[in-house]
Amino acid sequence: MHKTHPKPVSFQDQLADCLSACLECAHTCASCADACLAEDSVADLRGCIRTDLDCADICTATARVLSRQTAFGESPAATQVKACRDACQKCASHCEAHRSHHAHCAHCADACNACAAACDRLLGVID
């Protein structure tokens, strides 16, 4: 879709990668939160669930902001991408703590780390 925009940006690849990573991470975090709720040890996973849901919402909002690619210099896009990176790093850290016990947390940590890296790559060209 971005390639058909009448005013394309010079960082199309980084933008597309970040947007895709945000959507994948949002889906993965929401699924991880749901899986955590199904665990017998759900009380021990409250912090992880909360962080998963926050990260999912922030990733979704970031993808929506990045979908509007005009006027990057005038929009809060960079600030939003930084917030997304930070949320992904925090969520990855929580999920890493449960990696060995819960496969869904391992998968979520990987998605969060990938999204944080994609955010960093985009920030490198828009910041």
Foldseek 3Di string as FASTA:
>chain_A
DLVPDPDHDPPVPLLVQLLVLLQVLLVLLQVLLVVLVVDPVVVVCPVLNVLSNVLSVLSVVLSVVSVPPPPLVPDCNLVSLVVNLVSLVVNLVSLVVCVVPDVSSVVSNVSSVSNNVSSVVVNVPSD
